[in-house]
Amino acid sequence: MSIEQEVDVMCNLSQGIKEAGIAEGRNEGRAEEIIETGYEFGLSEQDILERLQKKLSISLQKAQEYLLMFGKRTV
């Protein structure tokens, strides 16, 4: 593989990583909004988890991670 080809591969790889990071950031922002709204409307954590899974097309495990990140915080 030539140096030019290697550079192209590395650029494509870094672009893919950047795009994945942006998508994850968007999902985190949406998850935070879903969780906050769920609590405001008095939904149970189970209902919030189900909404996260449905709205974001994510696994239960990922929904639980978001709930831990953005769930009720004590001050």
PDB file of N, CA and C in Angstrom:
ATOM      1  N   MET A   1       0.850  -1.173   0.000  1.00  0.00           N
ATOM      2  CA  MET A   1       0.000   0.000   0.000  1.00  0.00           C
ATOM      3  C   MET A   1       0.896   1.236   0.000  1.00  0.00           C
ATOM      4  N   SER A   2       0.549   2.201  -0.848  1.00  0.00           N
ATOM      5  CA  SER A   2       1.354   3.419  -0.927  1.00  0.00           C
ATOM      6  C   SER A   2       1.021   4.345   0.246  1.00  0.00           C
ATOM      7  N   ILE A   3       1.872   5.322   0.443  1.00  0.00           N
ATOM      8  CA  ILE A   3       1.653   6.282   1.517  1.00  0.00           C
ATOM      9  C   ILE A   3       0.342   7.039   1.298  1.00  0.00           C
ATOM     10  N   GLU A   4       0.052   7.394   0.042  1.00  0.00           N
ATOM     11  CA  GLU A   4      -1.202   8.096  -0.258  1.00  0.00           C
ATOM     12  C   GLU A   4      -2.407   7.240   0.118  1.00  0.00           C
ATOM     13  N   GLN A   5      -2.343   5.962  -0.172  1.00  0.00           N
ATOM     14  CA  GLN A   5      -3.448   5.058   0.171  1.00  0.00           C
ATOM     15  C   GLN A   5      -3.583   4.929   1.688  1.00  0.00           C
ATOM     16  N   GLU A   6      -2.462   4.834   2.377  1.00  0.00           N
ATOM     17  CA  GLU A   6      -2.498   4.745   3.832  1.00  0.00           C
ATOM     18  C   GLU A   6      -3.101   6.007   4.449  1.00  0.00           C
ATOM     19  N   VAL A   7      -2.740   7.163   3.904  1.00  0.00           N
ATOM     20  CA  VAL A   7      -3.292   8.433   4.391  1.00  0.00           C
ATOM     21  C   VAL A   7      -4.802   8.460   4.155  1.00  0.00           C
ATOM     22  N   ASP A   8      -5.244   8.012   2.974  1.00  0.00           N
ATOM     23  CA  ASP A   8      -6.685   7.964   2.682  1.00  0.00           C
ATOM     24  C   ASP A   8      -7.414   7.068   3.670  1.00  0.00           C
ATOM     25  N   VAL A   9      -6.822   5.906   3.963  1.00  0.00           N
ATOM     26  CA  VAL A   9      -7.444   4.977   4.910  1.00  0.00           C
ATOM     27  C   VAL A   9      -7.552   5.627   6.286  1.00  0.00           C
ATOM     28  N   MET A  10      -6.496   6.276   6.730  1.00  0.00           N
ATOM     29  CA  MET A  10      -6.501   6.920   8.044  1.00  0.00           C
ATOM     30  C   MET A  10      -7.515   8.074   8.096  1.00  0.00           C
ATOM     31  N   CYS A  11      -7.609   8.835   7.011  1.00  0.00           N
ATOM     32  CA  CYS A  11      -8.578   9.934   6.971  1.00  0.00           C
ATOM     33  C   CYS A  11     -10.002   9.396   7.026  1.00  0.00           C
ATOM     34  N   ASN A  12     -10.261   8.335   6.286  1.00  0.00           N
ATOM     35  CA  ASN A  12     -11.594   7.729   6.306  1.00  0.00           C
ATOM     36  C   ASN A  12     -11.919   7.174   7.685  1.00  0.00           C
ATOM     37  N   LEU A  13     -10.938   6.563   8.320  1.00  0.00           N
ATOM     38  CA  LEU A  13     -11.133   6.019   9.654  1.00  0.00           C
ATOM     39  C   LEU A  13     -11.441   7.129  10.648  1.00  0.00           C
ATOM     40  N   SER A  14     -10.661   8.199  10.606  1.00  0.00           N
ATOM     41  CA  SER A  14     -10.887   9.292  11.546  1.00  0.00           C
ATOM     42  C   SER A  14     -12.225   9.974  11.274  1.00  0.00           C
ATOM     43  N   GLN A  15     -12.641  10.069  10.024  1.00  0.00           N
ATOM     44  CA  GLN A  15     -13.949  10.651   9.701  1.00  0.00           C
ATOM     45  C   GLN A  15     -15.063   9.776  10.270  1.00  0.00           C
ATOM     46  N   GLY A  16     -14.923   8.467  10.166  1.00  0.00           N
ATOM     47  CA  GLY A  16     -15.915   7.546  10.714  1.00  0.00           C
ATOM     48  C   GLY A  16     -16.016   7.664  12.224  1.00  0.00           C
ATOM     49  N   ILE A  17     -14.881   7.790  12.886  1.00  0.00           N
ATOM     50  CA  ILE A  17     -14.863   7.945  14.344  1.00  0.00           C
ATOM     51  C   ILE A  17     -15.526   9.262  14.735  1.00  0.00           C
ATOM     52  N   LYS A  18     -15.238  10.317  13.989  1.00  0.00           N
ATOM     53  CA  LYS A  18     -15.835  11.626  14.265  1.00  0.00           C
ATOM     54  C   LYS A  18     -17.352  11.560  14.113  1.00  0.00           C
ATOM     55  N   GLU A  19     -17.824  10.946  13.039  1.00  0.00           N
ATOM     56  CA  GLU A  19     -19.269  10.844  12.798  1.00  0.00           C
ATOM     57  C   GLU A  19     -19.955  10.009  13.877  1.00  0.00           C
ATOM     58  N   ALA A  20     -19.300   8.941  14.328  1.00  0.00           N
ATOM     59  CA  ALA A  20     -19.866   8.112  15.395  1.00  0.00           C
ATOM     60  C   ALA A  20     -19.963   8.916  16.692  1.00  0.00           C
ATOM     61  N   GLY A  21     -18.979   9.728  16.965  1.00  0.00           N
ATOM     62  CA  GLY A  21     -18.988  10.567  18.161  1.00  0.00           C
ATOM     63  C   GLY A  21     -20.096  11.608  18.119  1.00  0.00           C
ATOM     64  N   ILE A  22     -20.310  12.185  16.959  1.00  0.00           N
ATOM     65  CA  ILE A  22     -21.381  13.169  16.807  1.00  0.00           C
ATOM     66  C   ILE A  22     -22.736  12.501  17.014  1.00  0.00           C
ATOM     67  N   ALA A  23     -22.922  11.318  16.421  1.00  0.00           N
ATOM     68  CA  ALA A  23     -24.190  10.594  16.575  1.00  0.00           C
ATOM     69  C   ALA A  23     -24.429  10.236  18.037  1.00  0.00           C
ATOM     70  N   GLU A  24     -23.391   9.803  18.733  1.00  0.00           N
ATOM     71  CA  GLU A  24     -23.532   9.460  20.153  1.00  0.00           C
ATOM     72  C   GLU A  24     -23.890  10.702  20.969  1.00  0.00           C
ATOM     73  N   GLY A  25     -23.277  11.822  20.648  1.00  0.00           N
ATOM     74  CA  GLY A  25     -23.597  13.070  21.341  1.00  0.00           C
ATOM     75  C   GLY A  25     -25.049  13.478  21.140  1.00  0.00           C
ATOM     76  N   ARG A  26     -25.536  13.310  19.930  1.00  0.00           N
ATOM     77  CA  ARG A  26     -26.947  13.622  19.654  1.00  0.00           C
ATOM     78  C   ARG A  26     -27.858  12.702  20.468  1.00  0.00           C
ATOM     79  N   ASN A  27     -27.545  11.413  20.471  1.00  0.00           N
ATOM     80  CA  ASN A  27     -28.359  10.465  21.238  1.00  0.00           C
ATOM     81  C   ASN A  27     -28.352  10.819  22.717  1.00  0.00           C
ATOM     82  N   GLU A  28     -27.197  11.204  23.239  1.00  0.00           N
ATOM     83  CA  GLU A  28     -27.126  11.581  24.652  1.00  0.00           C
ATOM     84  C   GLU A  28     -28.004  12.797  24.933  1.00  0.00           C
ATOM     85  N   GLY A  29     -27.987  13.771  24.049  1.00  0.00           N
ATOM     86  CA  GLY A  29     -28.823  14.953  24.228  1.00  0.00           C
ATOM     87  C   GLY A  29     -30.301  14.606  24.183  1.00  0.00           C
ATOM     88  N   ARG A  30     -30.683  13.777  23.231  1.00  0.00           N
ATOM     89  CA  ARG A  30     -32.083  13.350  23.137  1.00  0.00           C
ATOM     90  C   ARG A  30     -32.473  12.536  24.365  1.00  0.00           C
ATOM     91  N   ALA A  31     -31.578  11.668  24.816  1.00  0.00           N
ATOM     92  CA  ALA A  31     -31.868  10.843  25.985  1.00  0.00           C
ATOM     93  C   ALA A  31     -32.088  11.720  27.207  1.00  0.00           C
ATOM     94  N   GLU A  32     -31.254  12.722  27.388  1.00  0.00           N
ATOM     95  CA  GLU A  32     -31.401  13.615  28.538  1.00  0.00           C
ATOM     96  C   GLU A  32     -32.765  14.303  28.512  1.00  0.00           C
ATOM     97  N   GLU A  33     -33.192  14.760  27.343  1.00  0.00           N
ATOM     98  CA  GLU A  33     -34.501  15.404  27.213  1.00  0.00           C
ATOM     99  C   GLU A  33     -35.634  14.432  27.517  1.00  0.00           C
ATOM    100  N   ILE A  34     -35.550  13.215  26.993  1.00  0.00           N
ATOM    101  CA  ILE A  34     -36.587  12.204  27.233  1.00  0.00           C
ATOM    102  C   ILE A  34     -36.685  11.897  28.729  1.00  0.00           C
ATOM    103  N   ILE A  35     -35.542  11.762  29.378  1.00  0.00           N
ATOM    104  CA  ILE A  35     -35.524  11.441  30.807  1.00  0.00           C
ATOM    105  C   ILE A  35     -36.097  12.595  31.624  1.00  0.00           C
ATOM    106  N   GLU A  36     -35.648  13.819  31.351  1.00  0.00           N
ATOM    107  CA  GLU A  36     -36.160  14.974  32.093  1.00  0.00           C
ATOM    108  C   GLU A  36     -37.664  15.123  31.908  1.00  0.00           C
ATOM    109  N   THR A  37     -38.129  14.973  30.682  1.00  0.00           N
ATOM    110  CA  THR A  37     -39.565  15.084  30.404  1.00  0.00           C
ATOM    111  C   THR A  37     -40.332  13.968  31.098  1.00  0.00           C
ATOM    112  N   GLY A  38     -39.780  12.772  31.076  1.00  0.00           N
ATOM    113  CA  GLY A  38     -40.427  11.653  31.750  1.00  0.00           C
ATOM    114  C   GLY A  38     -40.622  11.912  33.228  1.00  0.00           C
ATOM    115  N   TYR A  39     -39.586  12.422  33.881  1.00  0.00           N
ATOM    116  CA  TYR A  39     -39.701  12.738  35.303  1.00  0.00           C
ATOM    117  C   TYR A  39     -40.703  13.868  35.536  1.00  0.00           C
ATOM    118  N   GLU A  40     -40.689  14.878  34.663  1.00  0.00           N
ATOM    119  CA  GLU A  40     -41.625  15.999  34.809  1.00  0.00           C
ATOM    120  C   GLU A  40     -43.074  15.520  34.747  1.00  0.00           C
ATOM    121  N   PHE A  41     -43.333  14.512  33.924  1.00  0.00           N
ATOM    122  CA  PHE A  41     -44.685  13.994  33.772  1.00  0.00           C
ATOM    123  C   PHE A  41     -44.981  12.847  34.726  1.00  0.00           C
ATOM    124  N   GLY A  42     -44.058  12.575  35.637  1.00  0.00           N
ATOM    125  CA  GLY A  42     -44.292  11.572  36.665  1.00  0.00           C
ATOM    126  C   GLY A  42     -44.227  10.131  36.181  1.00  0.00           C
ATOM    127  N   LEU A  43     -43.516   9.892  35.079  1.00  0.00           N
ATOM    128  CA  LEU A  43     -43.393   8.522  34.583  1.00  0.00           C
ATOM    129  C   LEU A  43     -42.455   7.719  35.472  1.00  0.00           C
ATOM    130  N   SER A  44     -42.691   6.430  35.536  1.00  0.00           N
ATOM    131  CA  SER A  44     -41.794   5.550  36.280  1.00  0.00           C
ATOM    132  C   SER A  44     -40.502   5.368  35.495  1.00  0.00           C
ATOM    133  N   GLU A  45     -39.470   4.921  36.183  1.00  0.00           N
ATOM    134  CA  GLU A  45     -38.208   4.667  35.493  1.00  0.00           C
ATOM    135  C   GLU A  45     -38.380   3.599  34.416  1.00  0.00           C
ATOM    136  N   GLN A  46     -39.234   2.616  34.672  1.00  0.00           N
ATOM    137  CA  GLN A  46     -39.491   1.572  33.672  1.00  0.00           C
ATOM    138  C   GLN A  46     -40.101   2.184  32.407  1.00  0.00           C
ATOM    139  N   ASP A  47     -41.064   3.095  32.580  1.00  0.00           N
ATOM    140  CA  ASP A  47     -41.676   3.766  31.431  1.00  0.00           C
ATOM    141  C   ASP A  47     -40.657   4.612  30.678  1.00  0.00           C
ATOM    142  N   ILE A  48     -39.796   5.288  31.424  1.00  0.00           N
ATOM    143  CA  ILE A  48     -38.760   6.107  30.799  1.00  0.00           C
ATOM    144  C   ILE A  48     -37.805   5.218  30.000  1.00  0.00           C
ATOM    145  N   LEU A  49     -37.418   4.091  30.574  1.00  0.00           N
ATOM    146  CA  LEU A  49     -36.537   3.157  29.858  1.00  0.00           C
ATOM    147  C   LEU A  49     -37.183   2.688  28.558  1.00  0.00           C
ATOM    148  N   GLU A  50     -38.470   2.377  28.613  1.00  0.00           N
ATOM    149  CA  GLU A  50     -39.171   1.932  27.414  1.00  0.00           C
ATOM    150  C   GLU A  50     -39.218   3.035  26.365  1.00  0.00           C
ATOM    151  N   ARG A  51     -39.451   4.269  26.805  1.00  0.00           N
ATOM    152  CA  ARG A  51     -39.470   5.392  25.865  1.00  0.00           C
ATOM    153  C   ARG A  51     -38.096   5.598  25.231  1.00  0.00           C
ATOM    154  N   LEU A  52     -37.045   5.509  26.031  1.00  0.00           N
ATOM    155  CA  LEU A  52     -35.694   5.646  25.495  1.00  0.00           C
ATOM    156  C   LEU A  52     -35.429   4.603  24.423  1.00  0.00           C
ATOM    157  N   GLN A  53     -35.780   3.358  24.717  1.00  0.00           N
ATOM    158  CA  GLN A  53     -35.561   2.277  23.761  1.00  0.00           C
ATOM    159  C   GLN A  53     -36.320   2.536  22.459  1.00  0.00           C
ATOM    160  N   LYS A  54     -37.558   2.942  22.587  1.00  0.00           N
ATOM    161  CA  LYS A  54     -38.402   3.146  21.412  1.00  0.00           C
ATOM    162  C   LYS A  54     -37.949   4.360  20.598  1.00  0.00           C
ATOM    163  N   LYS A  55     -37.769   5.485  21.265  1.00  0.00           N
ATOM    164  CA  LYS A  55     -37.451   6.738  20.568  1.00  0.00           C
ATOM    165  C   LYS A  55     -36.049   6.741  19.959  1.00  0.00           C
ATOM    166  N   LEU A  56     -35.098   6.089  20.633  1.00  0.00           N
ATOM    167  CA  LEU A  56     -33.707   6.119  20.172  1.00  0.00           C
ATOM    168  C   LEU A  56     -33.276   4.824  19.486  1.00  0.00           C
ATOM    169  N   SER A  57     -34.174   3.838  19.454  1.00  0.00           N
ATOM    170  CA  SER A  57     -33.848   2.521  18.874  1.00  0.00           C
ATOM    171  C   SER A  57     -32.570   1.957  19.490  1.00  0.00           C
ATOM    172  N   ILE A  58     -32.579   1.879  20.823  1.00  0.00           N
ATOM    173  CA  ILE A  58     -31.408   1.391  21.548  1.00  0.00           C
ATOM    174  C   ILE A  58     -31.799   0.198  22.411  1.00  0.00           C
ATOM    175  N   SER A  59     -30.789  -0.495  22.898  1.00  0.00           N
ATOM    176  CA  SER A  59     -31.011  -1.650  23.764  1.00  0.00           C
ATOM    177  C   SER A  59     -31.403  -1.200  25.161  1.00  0.00           C
ATOM    178  N   LEU A  60     -31.942  -2.139  25.927  1.00  0.00           N
ATOM    179  CA  LEU A  60     -32.275  -1.856  27.322  1.00  0.00           C
ATOM    180  C   LEU A  60     -31.016  -1.449  28.081  1.00  0.00           C
ATOM    181  N   GLN A  61     -29.918  -2.125  27.822  1.00  0.00           N
ATOM    182  CA  GLN A  61     -28.664  -1.811  28.515  1.00  0.00           C
ATOM    183  C   GLN A  61     -28.231  -0.364  28.250  1.00  0.00           C
ATOM    184  N   LYS A  62     -28.322   0.078  26.993  1.00  0.00           N
ATOM    185  CA  LYS A  62     -27.927   1.453  26.660  1.00  0.00           C
ATOM    186  C   LYS A  62     -28.892   2.443  27.310  1.00  0.00           C
ATOM    187  N   ALA A  63     -30.188   2.116  27.325  1.00  0.00           N
ATOM    188  CA  ALA A  63     -31.179   2.980  27.973  1.00  0.00           C
ATOM    189  C   ALA A  63     -30.868   3.113  29.460  1.00  0.00           C
ATOM    190  N   GLN A  64     -30.469   2.007  30.097  1.00  0.00           N
ATOM    191  CA  GLN A  64     -30.116   2.039  31.512  1.00  0.00           C
ATOM    192  C   GLN A  64     -28.884   2.907  31.751  1.00  0.00           C
ATOM    193  N   GLU A  65     -27.925   2.844  30.831  1.00  0.00           N
ATOM    194  CA  GLU A  65     -26.739   3.691  30.955  1.00  0.00           C
ATOM    195  C   GLU A  65     -27.125   5.166  30.914  1.00  0.00           C
ATOM    196  N   TYR A  66     -28.004   5.519  29.977  1.00  0.00           N
ATOM    197  CA  TYR A  66     -28.457   6.909  29.888  1.00  0.00           C
ATOM    198  C   TYR A  66     -29.206   7.321  31.148  1.00  0.00           C
ATOM    199  N   LEU A  67     -30.039   6.426  31.669  1.00  0.00           N
ATOM    200  CA  LEU A  67     -30.793   6.753  32.878  1.00  0.00           C
ATOM    201  C   LEU A  67     -29.841   6.993  34.053  1.00  0.00           C
ATOM    202  N   LEU A  68     -28.778   6.206  34.136  1.00  0.00           N
ATOM    203  CA  LEU A  68     -27.775   6.437  35.182  1.00  0.00           C
ATOM    204  C   LEU A  68     -27.073   7.777  34.993  1.00  0.00           C
ATOM    205  N   MET A  69     -26.794   8.120  33.724  1.00  0.00           N
ATOM    206  CA  MET A  69     -26.108   9.382  33.435  1.00  0.00           C
ATOM    207  C   MET A  69     -26.970  10.596  33.726  1.00  0.00           C
ATOM    208  N   PHE A  70     -28.239  10.519  33.308  1.00  0.00           N
ATOM    209  CA  PHE A  70     -29.081  11.706  33.319  1.00  0.00           C
ATOM    210  C   PHE A  70     -30.291  11.601  34.240  1.00  0.00           C
ATOM    211  N   GLY A  71     -30.361  10.533  35.033  1.00  0.00           N
ATOM    212  CA  GLY A  71     -31.493  10.356  35.928  1.00  0.00           C
ATOM    213  C   GLY A  71     -31.526  11.379  37.025  1.00  0.00           C
ATOM    214  N   LYS A  72     -32.449  11.178  37.939  1.00  0.00           N
ATOM    215  CA  LYS A  72     -32.601  12.123  39.061  1.00  0.00           C
ATOM    216  C   LYS A  72     -31.276  12.308  39.774  1.00  0.00           C
ATOM    217  N   ARG A  73     -30.949  13.561  39.963  1.00  0.00           N
ATOM    218  CA  ARG A  73     -29.691  13.891  40.643  1.00  0.00           C
ATOM    219  C   ARG A  73     -30.035  14.599  41.951  1.00  0.00           C
ATOM    220  N   THR A  74     -29.367  14.179  42.992  1.00  0.00           N
ATOM    221  CA  THR A  74     -29.583  14.855  44.273  1.00  0.00           C
ATOM    222  C   THR A  74     -28.566  15.986  44.386  1.00  0.00           C
ATOM    223  N   VAL A  75     -29.027  17.091  44.942  1.00  0.00           N
ATOM    224  CA  VAL A  75     -28.145  18.266  45.056  1.00  0.00           C
ATOM    225  C   VAL A  75     -27.830  18.526  46.498  1.00  0.00           C
TER     226      VAL A  75
END
